[in-house]
């Protein structure tokens, strides 16, 4: 997926997610590995309520790759 499509996919139905995704894409997406870019695209394919719960810490993501990407996007080191 090219960067323009990634930017478009980051425009969500929830402002809270826009505030999380858009700065990450602008600052870090290009520097991700090919595998991490694919995982990030998979993350963007998830539903907004699911993403909101994961990013706000209300629920844990059961997919380990997506859970790692949530941590990377949030900028928190893994405990």
Protein backbone atom coordinates (compact mmCIF):
# COMPACT_ATOMS: atom_id res chain seq x y z
CA UNK A 1 0.00 0.00 0.00
CA UNK A 2 1.46 3.36 -0.93
CA UNK A 3 1.84 6.13 1.64
CA UNK A 4 -1.13 8.13 0.32
CA UNK A 5 -3.42 5.14 0.85
CA UNK A 6 -1.98 4.56 4.30
CA UNK A 7 -2.63 8.18 5.24
CA UNK A 8 -6.20 7.86 3.95
CA UNK A 9 -6.73 4.63 5.92
CA UNK A 10 -5.58 6.44 9.06
CA UNK A 11 -8.53 8.79 8.81
CA UNK A 12 -10.95 7.05 11.13
CA UNK A 13 -14.45 7.61 12.41
CA UNK A 14 -13.08 8.50 15.84
CA UNK A 15 -11.02 11.60 16.49
CA UNK A 16 -9.10 9.76 19.22
CA UNK A 17 -7.78 7.28 16.65
CA UNK A 18 -6.95 10.02 14.15
CA UNK A 19 -4.82 11.69 16.82
CA UNK A 20 -2.96 8.43 17.38
CA UNK A 21 -2.51 7.19 13.81
CA UNK A 22 -1.79 10.31 11.79
CA UNK A 23 1.31 11.48 13.71
CA UNK A 24 2.68 7.92 13.73
CA UNK A 25 2.35 7.62 9.96
CA UNK A 26 3.93 11.00 9.35
CA UNK A 27 6.90 10.39 11.67
CA UNK A 28 7.53 6.64 11.68
CA UNK A 29 5.76 4.64 8.96
CA UNK A 30 8.46 5.03 6.30
CA UNK A 31 11.10 3.70 8.71
CA UNK A 32 9.21 0.51 9.56
CA UNK A 33 10.40 -2.83 8.22
CA UNK A 34 8.41 -4.44 5.42
CA UNK A 35 6.90 -6.86 7.94
CA UNK A 36 5.94 -4.06 10.35
CA UNK A 37 4.34 -2.10 7.52
CA UNK A 38 2.23 -5.16 6.68
CA UNK A 39 1.24 -5.52 10.34
CA UNK A 40 0.34 -1.84 10.53
CA UNK A 41 -1.89 -2.24 7.46
CA UNK A 42 -3.57 -5.21 9.16
CA UNK A 43 -4.09 -3.04 12.23
CA UNK A 44 -5.80 -0.39 10.11
CA UNK A 45 -8.21 -3.05 8.83
CA UNK A 46 -9.60 -3.56 12.34
CA UNK A 47 -12.83 -1.93 13.49
CA UNK A 48 -12.69 1.40 15.32
CA UNK A 49 -14.26 0.17 18.60
CA UNK A 50 -11.71 -2.64 18.75
CA UNK A 51 -8.82 -0.26 18.04
CA UNK A 52 -10.09 2.23 20.61
CA UNK A 53 -10.25 -0.47 23.30
CA UNK A 54 -6.70 -1.62 22.52
CA UNK A 55 -5.16 1.83 22.38
CA UNK A 56 -6.91 3.04 25.51
CA UNK A 57 -5.90 -0.11 27.41
CA UNK A 58 -9.47 -1.29 28.00
CA UNK A 59 -8.79 -4.63 26.29
CA UNK A 60 -5.77 -6.64 25.20
CA UNK A 61 -5.42 -7.63 21.58
CA UNK A 62 -5.28 -11.42 21.23
CA UNK A 63 -3.15 -11.22 18.05
CA UNK A 64 0.46 -10.90 19.25
CA UNK A 65 1.68 -9.09 16.11
CA UNK A 66 -1.12 -6.53 16.30
CA UNK A 67 -0.56 -6.13 20.05
CA UNK A 68 3.13 -5.36 19.40
CA UNK A 69 2.14 -2.81 16.76
CA UNK A 70 -0.26 -1.13 19.18
CA UNK A 71 2.67 -0.74 21.57
CA UNK A 72 4.88 0.69 18.80
CA UNK A 73 2.24 3.16 17.69
CA UNK A 74 1.58 4.28 21.25
CA UNK A 75 5.33 4.65 21.81
CA UNK A 76 5.38 2.67 25.03
CA UNK A 77 8.13 0.17 25.75
CA UNK A 78 6.97 -3.41 26.27
CA UNK A 79 6.82 -4.29 30.01
